[in-house]
Amino acid sequence: MASLNRIVMQKTSRKWLRELDLENMDLCEISGWWGQGLPSKSYQQFRYPKHDICAGPFMNRFGKIRQFDLILANQVWEHLDRPYIATVNVFDMLRPGGYFWVAVPFFIPFHAAPTDCSRWTARGLKNLLTEVGFAEEDIRAEQWGNRAAGLRNMEKDWPPAYDPDTDDLTNDPDFPICAWALARKT
């Protein structure tokens, strides 16, 4: 069953991504499996920490930076020791007009897999992406959460499974559980 923490993020992000020409895009996913179901020209997955995006852009066998039209990072940026450098590396791997989608938690328990380092709000993600070189007007960022979901995150069995009969998906902007952004490289 899907995690309560990701329901709104996934629904909104799918809508954003459906607006893109995915069928003609080369996709790269850094950890996770969320992008496997997206229609694309090609799909490549790099698992963290085996492939550490902080260490540099992913290279092809000829020593050139691999280029993609869309790079996805779902719930991995909070685990990176150097998220700014990682984002610079992603920027370098994007073709002109390419997109970077990133989703991160905010109010959830500590979860070292292998480390747990950072948290961002939608504004924090937008700031990070702007500092790396994405134009502010080319960044969409949102966050979702509420106190009831926050309480569910304190339950022993974590992450909380979404129950459509009892879980409230109303957004309280002052209590984010997760944040996500889509940035376009111009």
N, C-alpha and C. Protein backbone atom coordinates (compact mmCIF):
# COMPACT_ATOMS: atom_id res chain seq x y z
N MET A 1 0.84 -1.18 0.00
CA MET A 1 0.00 0.00 0.00
C MET A 1 0.89 1.25 0.00
N ALA A 2 0.40 2.30 -0.56
CA ALA A 2 1.16 3.54 -0.70
C ALA A 2 1.30 4.25 0.66
N SER A 3 2.41 4.95 0.80
CA SER A 3 2.67 5.73 2.01
C SER A 3 1.81 6.99 2.02
N LEU A 4 1.20 7.26 3.16
CA LEU A 4 0.44 8.50 3.34
C LEU A 4 1.29 9.71 2.98
N ASN A 5 2.58 9.65 3.30
CA ASN A 5 3.47 10.78 3.10
C ASN A 5 3.66 11.16 1.63
N ARG A 6 3.31 10.26 0.72
CA ARG A 6 3.61 10.49 -0.70
C ARG A 6 2.38 10.62 -1.60
N ILE A 7 1.19 10.43 -1.09
CA ILE A 7 -0.01 10.41 -1.91
C ILE A 7 -0.18 11.71 -2.70
N VAL A 8 -0.19 12.84 -2.04
CA VAL A 8 -0.42 14.13 -2.71
C VAL A 8 0.76 14.46 -3.62
N MET A 9 1.98 14.22 -3.15
CA MET A 9 3.17 14.48 -3.96
C MET A 9 3.13 13.68 -5.25
N GLN A 10 2.79 12.41 -5.17
CA GLN A 10 2.77 11.58 -6.37
C GLN A 10 1.68 12.01 -7.34
N LYS A 11 0.52 12.34 -6.82
CA LYS A 11 -0.59 12.77 -7.68
C LYS A 11 -0.22 14.07 -8.41
N THR A 12 0.29 15.04 -7.67
CA THR A 12 0.67 16.32 -8.27
C THR A 12 1.81 16.15 -9.26
N SER A 13 2.80 15.36 -8.88
CA SER A 13 3.97 15.17 -9.74
C SER A 13 3.61 14.44 -11.02
N ARG A 14 2.74 13.44 -10.94
CA ARG A 14 2.30 12.75 -12.16
C ARG A 14 1.63 13.75 -13.11
N LYS A 15 0.83 14.65 -12.57
CA LYS A 15 0.18 15.66 -13.40
C LYS A 15 1.23 16.54 -14.07
N TRP A 16 2.20 17.01 -13.31
CA TRP A 16 3.26 17.84 -13.88
C TRP A 16 4.00 17.09 -14.99
N LEU A 17 4.36 15.84 -14.73
CA LEU A 17 5.15 15.08 -15.69
C LEU A 17 4.36 14.72 -16.93
N ARG A 18 3.03 14.53 -16.80
CA ARG A 18 2.20 14.25 -17.98
C ARG A 18 2.16 15.44 -18.93
N GLU A 19 2.48 16.64 -18.43
CA GLU A 19 2.52 17.83 -19.28
C GLU A 19 3.78 17.86 -20.15
N LEU A 20 4.75 16.99 -19.87
CA LEU A 20 5.99 16.93 -20.64
C LEU A 20 5.86 15.92 -21.78
N ASP A 21 6.75 15.99 -22.73
CA ASP A 21 6.79 15.07 -23.86
C ASP A 21 7.63 13.84 -23.48
N LEU A 22 7.17 13.10 -22.49
CA LEU A 22 7.93 11.99 -21.92
C LEU A 22 8.35 10.94 -22.94
N GLU A 23 7.47 10.66 -23.90
CA GLU A 23 7.75 9.60 -24.88
C GLU A 23 9.01 9.89 -25.69
N ASN A 24 9.41 11.14 -25.77
CA ASN A 24 10.60 11.52 -26.53
C ASN A 24 11.76 11.93 -25.63
N MET A 25 11.72 11.51 -24.39
CA MET A 25 12.75 11.91 -23.42
C MET A 25 13.57 10.72 -22.95
N ASP A 26 14.85 10.99 -22.72
CA ASP A 26 15.73 10.04 -22.06
C ASP A 26 15.67 10.36 -20.56
N LEU A 27 15.23 9.36 -19.78
CA LEU A 27 15.05 9.53 -18.34
C LEU A 27 16.16 8.86 -17.56
N CYS A 28 16.50 9.50 -16.45
CA CYS A 28 17.46 8.94 -15.50
C CYS A 28 16.80 9.04 -14.13
N GLU A 29 16.90 7.98 -13.36
CA GLU A 29 16.37 8.02 -11.99
C GLU A 29 17.50 7.70 -11.03
N ILE A 30 17.64 8.56 -10.05
CA ILE A 30 18.65 8.36 -9.02
C ILE A 30 17.95 7.73 -7.82
N SER A 31 18.18 6.43 -7.65
CA SER A 31 17.50 5.60 -6.67
C SER A 31 16.01 5.54 -6.97
N GLY A 32 15.30 4.76 -6.23
CA GLY A 32 13.86 4.63 -6.42
C GLY A 32 13.48 3.90 -7.69
N TRP A 33 12.18 3.68 -7.84
CA TRP A 33 11.62 2.99 -9.00
C TRP A 33 10.44 3.77 -9.56
N TRP A 34 10.24 4.96 -9.08
CA TRP A 34 9.05 5.73 -9.44
C TRP A 34 8.96 5.99 -10.93
N GLY A 35 10.08 6.21 -11.58
CA GLY A 35 10.08 6.56 -13.00
C GLY A 35 9.95 5.39 -13.95
N GLN A 36 10.07 4.16 -13.45
CA GLN A 36 10.01 3.00 -14.34
C GLN A 36 8.70 2.91 -15.10
N GLY A 37 7.63 3.37 -14.50
CA GLY A 37 6.32 3.28 -15.14
C GLY A 37 6.00 4.43 -16.08
N LEU A 38 6.90 5.39 -16.19
CA LEU A 38 6.65 6.54 -17.07
C LEU A 38 6.99 6.18 -18.51
N PRO A 39 6.15 6.61 -19.47
CA PRO A 39 6.51 6.37 -20.86
C PRO A 39 7.70 7.24 -21.23
N SER A 40 8.71 6.65 -21.84
CA SER A 40 9.90 7.42 -22.18
C SER A 40 10.62 6.77 -23.35
N LYS A 41 11.50 7.53 -23.97
CA LYS A 41 12.34 6.99 -25.04
C LYS A 41 13.33 5.99 -24.45
N SER A 42 13.91 6.35 -23.30
CA SER A 42 14.82 5.44 -22.60
C SER A 42 14.75 5.72 -21.10
N TYR A 43 15.10 4.73 -20.33
CA TYR A 43 15.08 4.84 -18.87
C TYR A 43 16.35 4.20 -18.32
N GLN A 44 17.04 4.92 -17.47
CA GLN A 44 18.25 4.40 -16.83
C GLN A 44 18.15 4.69 -15.33
N GLN A 45 18.49 3.71 -14.52
CA GLN A 45 18.44 3.90 -13.07
C GLN A 45 19.85 3.78 -12.50
N PHE A 46 20.16 4.68 -11.58
CA PHE A 46 21.42 4.66 -10.85
C PHE A 46 21.09 4.59 -9.37
N ARG A 47 21.50 3.53 -8.70
CA ARG A 47 21.16 3.34 -7.29
C ARG A 47 22.20 4.01 -6.40
N TYR A 48 21.71 4.81 -5.46
CA TYR A 48 22.55 5.41 -4.44
C TYR A 48 22.58 4.43 -3.26
N PRO A 49 23.70 4.19 -2.62
CA PRO A 49 24.98 4.88 -2.70
C PRO A 49 25.98 4.27 -3.67
N LYS A 50 25.62 3.16 -4.35
CA LYS A 50 26.57 2.57 -5.30
C LYS A 50 27.01 3.63 -6.33
N HIS A 51 26.08 4.35 -6.87
CA HIS A 51 26.36 5.47 -7.77
C HIS A 51 26.12 6.74 -6.98
N ASP A 52 27.17 7.39 -6.54
CA ASP A 52 27.06 8.56 -5.68
C ASP A 52 27.06 9.83 -6.52
N ILE A 53 25.91 10.46 -6.64
CA ILE A 53 25.77 11.68 -7.43
C ILE A 53 26.60 12.83 -6.83
N CYS A 54 26.96 12.74 -5.57
CA CYS A 54 27.82 13.76 -4.95
C CYS A 54 29.25 13.68 -5.49
N ALA A 55 29.66 12.52 -5.97
CA ALA A 55 31.04 12.32 -6.44
C ALA A 55 31.26 12.88 -7.84
N GLY A 56 30.20 13.19 -8.55
CA GLY A 56 30.34 13.74 -9.90
C GLY A 56 29.20 13.29 -10.78
N PRO A 57 29.08 13.91 -11.96
CA PRO A 57 28.05 13.48 -12.90
C PRO A 57 28.32 12.04 -13.33
N PHE A 58 27.29 11.35 -13.74
CA PHE A 58 27.45 10.00 -14.25
C PHE A 58 28.07 10.10 -15.64
N MET A 59 29.07 9.27 -15.89
CA MET A 59 29.84 9.33 -17.13
C MET A 59 29.52 8.13 -18.01
N ASN A 60 29.68 8.31 -19.33
CA ASN A 60 29.54 7.18 -20.23
C ASN A 60 30.87 6.45 -20.35
N ARG A 61 30.92 5.41 -21.11
CA ARG A 61 32.14 4.60 -21.19
C ARG A 61 33.29 5.32 -21.88
N PHE A 62 33.00 6.45 -22.53
CA PHE A 62 34.04 7.24 -23.19
C PHE A 62 34.53 8.40 -22.33
N GLY A 63 34.06 8.44 -21.08
CA GLY A 63 34.49 9.49 -20.17
C GLY A 63 33.76 10.81 -20.34
N LYS A 64 32.64 10.81 -21.05
CA LYS A 64 31.84 12.02 -21.25
C LYS A 64 30.65 11.99 -20.29
N ILE A 65 30.19 13.18 -19.91
CA ILE A 65 29.03 13.28 -19.02
C ILE A 65 27.80 12.74 -19.74
N ARG A 66 27.08 11.84 -19.07
CA ARG A 66 25.83 11.32 -19.63
C ARG A 66 24.80 12.43 -19.63
N GLN A 67 24.00 12.52 -20.67
CA GLN A 67 23.01 13.58 -20.83
C GLN A 67 21.60 12.99 -20.85
N PHE A 68 20.70 13.70 -20.16
CA PHE A 68 19.31 13.25 -20.05
C PHE A 68 18.37 14.43 -20.23
N ASP A 69 17.11 14.09 -20.56
CA ASP A 69 16.06 15.11 -20.70
C ASP A 69 15.28 15.28 -19.40
N LEU A 70 15.27 14.24 -18.58
CA LEU A 70 14.57 14.28 -17.30
C LEU A 70 15.33 13.42 -16.30
N ILE A 71 15.64 14.01 -15.16
CA ILE A 71 16.28 13.28 -14.07
C ILE A 71 15.34 13.32 -12.87
N LEU A 72 15.08 12.15 -12.30
CA LEU A 72 14.17 12.00 -11.17
C LEU A 72 14.97 11.62 -9.93
N ALA A 73 14.62 12.23 -8.81
CA ALA A 73 15.23 11.87 -7.53
C ALA A 73 14.13 11.88 -6.47
N ASN A 74 13.64 10.71 -6.16
CA ASN A 74 12.51 10.57 -5.23
C ASN A 74 12.99 10.07 -3.88
N GLN A 75 12.95 10.94 -2.89
CA GLN A 75 13.26 10.58 -1.51
C GLN A 75 14.70 10.08 -1.37
N VAL A 76 15.64 10.74 -2.02
CA VAL A 76 17.05 10.38 -1.87
C VAL A 76 17.90 11.58 -1.46
N TRP A 77 17.50 12.81 -1.81
CA TRP A 77 18.33 13.98 -1.54
C TRP A 77 18.58 14.20 -0.04
N GLU A 78 17.67 13.76 0.80
CA GLU A 78 17.86 13.91 2.25
C GLU A 78 18.97 13.00 2.76
N HIS A 79 19.36 12.01 1.97
CA HIS A 79 20.40 11.07 2.38
C HIS A 79 21.80 11.48 1.92
N LEU A 80 21.90 12.50 1.11
CA LEU A 80 23.18 12.89 0.52
C LEU A 80 23.99 13.78 1.46
N ASP A 81 25.28 13.51 1.54
CA ASP A 81 26.16 14.35 2.34
C ASP A 81 26.37 15.73 1.71
N ARG A 82 26.34 15.81 0.41
CA ARG A 82 26.60 17.06 -0.31
C ARG A 82 25.49 17.33 -1.33
N PRO A 83 24.28 17.69 -0.87
CA PRO A 83 23.17 17.87 -1.81
C PRO A 83 23.36 19.02 -2.80
N TYR A 84 24.08 20.07 -2.41
CA TYR A 84 24.33 21.16 -3.35
C TYR A 84 25.19 20.67 -4.51
N ILE A 85 26.28 19.99 -4.21
CA ILE A 85 27.17 19.46 -5.25
C ILE A 85 26.42 18.44 -6.11
N ALA A 86 25.60 17.61 -5.48
CA ALA A 86 24.81 16.63 -6.23
C ALA A 86 23.89 17.34 -7.22
N THR A 87 23.28 18.44 -6.80
CA THR A 87 22.37 19.17 -7.67
C THR A 87 23.13 19.84 -8.81
N VAL A 88 24.32 20.33 -8.54
CA VAL A 88 25.18 20.86 -9.61
C VAL A 88 25.47 19.76 -10.62
N ASN A 89 25.77 18.56 -10.14
CA ASN A 89 26.06 17.44 -11.03
C ASN A 89 24.85 17.08 -11.88
N VAL A 90 23.66 17.11 -11.29
CA VAL A 90 22.43 16.86 -12.04
C VAL A 90 22.27 17.93 -13.11
N PHE A 91 22.47 19.18 -12.74
CA PHE A 91 22.35 20.29 -13.70
C PHE A 91 23.26 20.04 -14.91
N ASP A 92 24.48 19.59 -14.64
CA ASP A 92 25.44 19.32 -15.72
C ASP A 92 25.02 18.15 -16.60
N MET A 93 24.23 17.22 -16.06
CA MET A 93 23.78 16.05 -16.81
C MET A 93 22.53 16.32 -17.64
N LEU A 94 21.89 17.46 -17.43
CA LEU A 94 20.67 17.77 -18.17
C LEU A 94 21.01 18.42 -19.50
N ARG A 95 20.30 18.00 -20.53
CA ARG A 95 20.39 18.68 -21.82
C ARG A 95 19.69 20.03 -21.68
N PRO A 96 19.99 21.00 -22.54
CA PRO A 96 19.22 22.25 -22.53
C PRO A 96 17.73 21.93 -22.71
N GLY A 97 16.90 22.54 -21.89
CA GLY A 97 15.47 22.26 -21.91
C GLY A 97 15.08 21.07 -21.07
N GLY A 98 16.06 20.39 -20.46
CA GLY A 98 15.80 19.23 -19.63
C GLY A 98 15.24 19.60 -18.27
N TYR A 99 14.71 18.60 -17.57
CA TYR A 99 14.03 18.81 -16.29
C TYR A 99 14.65 17.97 -15.19
N PHE A 100 14.61 18.54 -13.99
CA PHE A 100 14.99 17.81 -12.78
C PHE A 100 13.80 17.83 -11.84
N TRP A 101 13.32 16.64 -11.48
CA TRP A 101 12.24 16.50 -10.50
C TRP A 101 12.84 15.89 -9.25
N VAL A 102 12.59 16.53 -8.13
CA VAL A 102 13.12 16.06 -6.85
C VAL A 102 12.02 16.10 -5.80
N ALA A 103 11.94 15.05 -4.99
CA ALA A 103 10.97 15.00 -3.90
C ALA A 103 11.71 14.60 -2.63
N VAL A 104 11.39 15.29 -1.55
CA VAL A 104 12.09 15.08 -0.27
C VAL A 104 11.10 15.14 0.89
N PRO A 105 11.44 14.48 1.98
CA PRO A 105 10.60 14.59 3.17
C PRO A 105 10.92 15.85 3.96
N PHE A 106 10.03 16.22 4.84
CA PHE A 106 10.30 17.30 5.78
C PHE A 106 10.05 16.79 7.20
N PHE A 107 8.78 16.65 7.56
CA PHE A 107 8.46 16.21 8.93
C PHE A 107 8.19 14.71 8.94
N ILE A 108 9.25 13.95 9.05
CA ILE A 108 9.17 12.50 9.19
C ILE A 108 10.30 12.07 10.12
N PRO A 109 10.24 10.84 10.62
CA PRO A 109 11.31 10.39 11.50
C PRO A 109 12.67 10.29 10.80
N PHE A 110 13.70 10.36 11.60
CA PHE A 110 15.06 10.11 11.16
C PHE A 110 15.10 8.71 10.55
N HIS A 111 15.71 8.58 9.40
CA HIS A 111 15.81 7.27 8.75
C HIS A 111 17.13 7.16 7.98
N ALA A 112 18.12 6.65 8.65
CA ALA A 112 19.46 6.52 8.07
C ALA A 112 19.49 5.35 7.10
N ALA A 113 19.59 5.68 5.81
CA ALA A 113 19.64 4.65 4.78
C ALA A 113 20.57 5.09 3.65
N PRO A 114 21.83 5.20 3.74
CA PRO A 114 22.65 4.88 4.90
C PRO A 114 22.79 6.04 5.88
N THR A 115 22.52 7.26 5.45
CA THR A 115 22.59 8.42 6.34
C THR A 115 21.30 9.22 6.19
N ASP A 116 21.09 10.17 7.09
CA ASP A 116 19.94 11.06 7.01
C ASP A 116 20.47 12.44 7.36
N CYS A 117 20.48 13.35 6.39
CA CYS A 117 21.23 14.59 6.55
C CYS A 117 20.42 15.88 6.46
N SER A 118 19.39 15.94 5.63
CA SER A 118 18.78 17.23 5.31
C SER A 118 17.26 17.14 5.19
N ARG A 119 16.63 18.26 5.35
CA ARG A 119 15.20 18.42 5.12
C ARG A 119 14.97 19.74 4.39
N TRP A 120 13.96 19.79 3.51
CA TRP A 120 13.62 21.02 2.78
C TRP A 120 12.12 21.23 2.73
N THR A 121 11.75 22.49 2.72
CA THR A 121 10.40 22.90 2.38
C THR A 121 10.38 23.18 0.88
N ALA A 122 9.21 23.52 0.33
CA ALA A 122 9.14 23.88 -1.09
C ALA A 122 10.02 25.09 -1.37
N ARG A 123 9.99 26.07 -0.48
CA ARG A 123 10.84 27.25 -0.68
C ARG A 123 12.32 26.88 -0.60
N GLY A 124 12.68 26.01 0.32
CA GLY A 124 14.06 25.57 0.43
C GLY A 124 14.54 24.86 -0.83
N LEU A 125 13.67 24.00 -1.41
CA LEU A 125 14.03 23.34 -2.67
C LEU A 125 14.21 24.37 -3.78
N LYS A 126 13.30 25.32 -3.84
CA LYS A 126 13.40 26.36 -4.88
C LYS A 126 14.70 27.16 -4.71
N ASN A 127 15.06 27.47 -3.48
CA ASN A 127 16.31 28.18 -3.23
C ASN A 127 17.51 27.36 -3.68
N LEU A 128 17.54 26.07 -3.33
CA LEU A 128 18.64 25.19 -3.73
C LEU A 128 18.76 25.15 -5.26
N LEU A 129 17.65 24.95 -5.93
CA LEU A 129 17.66 24.84 -7.39
C LEU A 129 18.09 26.15 -8.05
N THR A 130 17.66 27.27 -7.49
CA THR A 130 18.05 28.58 -8.02
C THR A 130 19.56 28.80 -7.84
N GLU A 131 20.08 28.45 -6.68
CA GLU A 131 21.51 28.64 -6.41
C GLU A 131 22.38 27.82 -7.36
N VAL A 132 21.86 26.69 -7.82
CA VAL A 132 22.61 25.81 -8.72
C VAL A 132 22.61 26.35 -10.16
N GLY A 133 21.59 27.12 -10.53
CA GLY A 133 21.57 27.67 -11.88
C GLY A 133 20.24 27.60 -12.60
N PHE A 134 19.24 26.96 -12.01
CA PHE A 134 17.91 26.95 -12.62
C PHE A 134 17.29 28.33 -12.44
N ALA A 135 16.65 28.85 -13.47
CA ALA A 135 15.98 30.15 -13.37
C ALA A 135 14.75 30.01 -12.48
N GLU A 136 14.57 30.96 -11.58
CA GLU A 136 13.47 30.89 -10.62
C GLU A 136 12.11 30.71 -11.30
N GLU A 137 11.93 31.37 -12.44
CA GLU A 137 10.64 31.27 -13.15
C GLU A 137 10.45 29.90 -13.81
N ASP A 138 11.50 29.08 -13.86
CA ASP A 138 11.41 27.74 -14.44
C ASP A 138 11.36 26.64 -13.38
N ILE A 139 10.99 27.02 -12.17
CA ILE A 139 10.90 26.05 -11.06
C ILE A 139 9.48 26.04 -10.51
N ARG A 140 8.90 24.86 -10.41
CA ARG A 140 7.62 24.67 -9.72
C ARG A 140 7.95 23.91 -8.44
N ALA A 141 7.44 24.39 -7.33
CA ALA A 141 7.70 23.70 -6.05
C ALA A 141 6.45 23.74 -5.19
N GLU A 142 6.17 22.62 -4.56
CA GLU A 142 5.02 22.52 -3.66
C GLU A 142 5.40 21.69 -2.45
N GLN A 143 4.55 21.77 -1.45
CA GLN A 143 4.70 20.93 -0.27
C GLN A 143 3.32 20.55 0.22
N TRP A 144 3.28 19.47 0.98
CA TRP A 144 2.02 19.00 1.53
C TRP A 144 2.26 18.45 2.93
N GLY A 145 1.24 18.58 3.73
CA GLY A 145 1.24 17.96 5.04
C GLY A 145 0.14 18.51 5.91
N ASN A 146 -0.05 17.89 7.05
CA ASN A 146 -0.97 18.38 8.08
C ASN A 146 -0.63 17.68 9.39
N ARG A 147 -1.20 18.17 10.45
CA ARG A 147 -0.87 17.64 11.77
C ARG A 147 -1.29 16.18 11.95
N ALA A 148 -2.41 15.80 11.35
CA ALA A 148 -2.85 14.41 11.46
C ALA A 148 -1.84 13.47 10.81
N ALA A 149 -1.31 13.86 9.65
CA ALA A 149 -0.28 13.04 8.99
C ALA A 149 0.99 13.05 9.84
N GLY A 150 1.30 14.18 10.46
CA GLY A 150 2.45 14.25 11.35
C GLY A 150 2.33 13.26 12.50
N LEU A 151 1.14 13.16 13.07
CA LEU A 151 0.91 12.19 14.15
C LEU A 151 1.06 10.76 13.64
N ARG A 152 0.58 10.50 12.44
CA ARG A 152 0.72 9.16 11.86
C ARG A 152 2.20 8.79 11.70
N ASN A 153 3.04 9.80 11.44
CA ASN A 153 4.47 9.55 11.28
C ASN A 153 5.16 9.20 12.59
N MET A 154 4.47 9.38 13.70
CA MET A 154 5.03 9.00 15.00
C MET A 154 4.65 7.58 15.41
N GLU A 155 3.83 6.91 14.60
CA GLU A 155 3.44 5.54 14.90
C GLU A 155 4.64 4.60 14.78
N LYS A 156 4.57 3.51 15.52
CA LYS A 156 5.67 2.55 15.51
C LYS A 156 5.91 1.96 14.12
N ASP A 157 4.84 1.58 13.43
CA ASP A 157 4.97 1.06 12.06
C ASP A 157 5.08 2.24 11.11
N TRP A 158 6.28 2.42 10.59
CA TRP A 158 6.56 3.58 9.74
C TRP A 158 7.18 3.09 8.44
N PRO A 159 6.87 3.69 7.32
CA PRO A 159 5.99 4.84 7.13
C PRO A 159 4.52 4.43 7.18
N PRO A 160 3.66 5.37 7.51
CA PRO A 160 2.24 5.02 7.62
C PRO A 160 1.62 4.74 6.26
N ALA A 161 0.90 3.63 6.18
CA ALA A 161 0.18 3.29 4.94
C ALA A 161 -1.04 4.20 4.83
N TYR A 162 -1.28 4.67 3.63
CA TYR A 162 -2.43 5.54 3.38
C TYR A 162 -3.73 4.76 3.48
N ASP A 163 -4.67 5.28 4.26
CA ASP A 163 -6.00 4.72 4.39
C ASP A 163 -6.99 5.77 3.91
N PRO A 164 -7.56 5.59 2.71
CA PRO A 164 -8.46 6.62 2.16
C PRO A 164 -9.71 6.87 3.01
N ASP A 165 -10.05 5.92 3.86
CA ASP A 165 -11.24 6.09 4.70
C ASP A 165 -10.98 6.95 5.93
N THR A 166 -9.73 7.01 6.38
CA THR A 166 -9.46 7.73 7.62
C THR A 166 -8.43 8.85 7.50
N ASP A 167 -7.57 8.81 6.50
CA ASP A 167 -6.52 9.83 6.39
C ASP A 167 -7.01 11.08 5.69
N ASP A 168 -6.75 12.21 6.31
CA ASP A 168 -7.13 13.51 5.80
C ASP A 168 -6.00 14.04 4.91
N LEU A 169 -6.31 14.37 3.66
CA LEU A 169 -5.30 14.89 2.74
C LEU A 169 -5.35 16.41 2.60
N THR A 170 -6.11 17.06 3.50
CA THR A 170 -6.13 18.51 3.49
C THR A 170 -4.73 19.03 3.77
N ASN A 171 -4.34 20.07 3.03
CA ASN A 171 -2.99 20.62 3.20
C ASN A 171 -2.99 21.74 4.25
N ASP A 172 -2.05 21.66 5.16
CA ASP A 172 -1.78 22.73 6.11
C ASP A 172 -0.39 23.27 5.76
N PRO A 173 -0.30 24.42 5.09
CA PRO A 173 0.99 24.93 4.62
C PRO A 173 2.01 25.14 5.74
N ASP A 174 1.54 25.23 6.97
CA ASP A 174 2.45 25.43 8.10
C ASP A 174 2.94 24.11 8.70
N PHE A 175 2.58 22.98 8.09
CA PHE A 175 2.98 21.69 8.64
C PHE A 175 3.35 20.72 7.50
N PRO A 176 4.43 21.01 6.77
CA PRO A 176 4.78 20.15 5.63
C PRO A 176 5.33 18.80 6.05
N ILE A 177 4.87 17.77 5.37
CA ILE A 177 5.38 16.41 5.53
C ILE A 177 6.42 16.14 4.44
N CYS A 178 6.15 16.64 3.23
CA CYS A 178 7.08 16.44 2.13
C CYS A 178 7.02 17.65 1.20
N ALA A 179 8.06 17.78 0.37
CA ALA A 179 8.14 18.85 -0.61
C ALA A 179 8.69 18.26 -1.91
N TRP A 180 8.35 18.90 -3.02
CA TRP A 180 8.81 18.42 -4.32
C TRP A 180 8.91 19.61 -5.27
N ALA A 181 9.74 19.43 -6.29
CA ALA A 181 9.94 20.51 -7.26
C ALA A 181 10.27 19.92 -8.63
N LEU A 182 9.93 20.68 -9.64
CA LEU A 182 10.30 20.38 -11.01
C LEU A 182 10.94 21.63 -11.57
N ALA A 183 12.20 21.49 -12.00
CA ALA A 183 12.96 22.62 -12.52
C ALA A 183 13.40 22.34 -13.94
N ARG A 184 13.32 23.36 -14.78
CA ARG A 184 13.72 23.23 -16.18
C ARG A 184 15.02 23.99 -16.43
N LYS A 185 15.95 23.32 -17.09
CA LYS A 185 17.22 23.96 -17.45
C LYS A 185 17.03 24.68 -18.79
N THR A 186 17.28 25.96 -18.78
CA THR A 186 17.11 26.73 -20.02
C THR A 186 18.41 26.84 -20.77
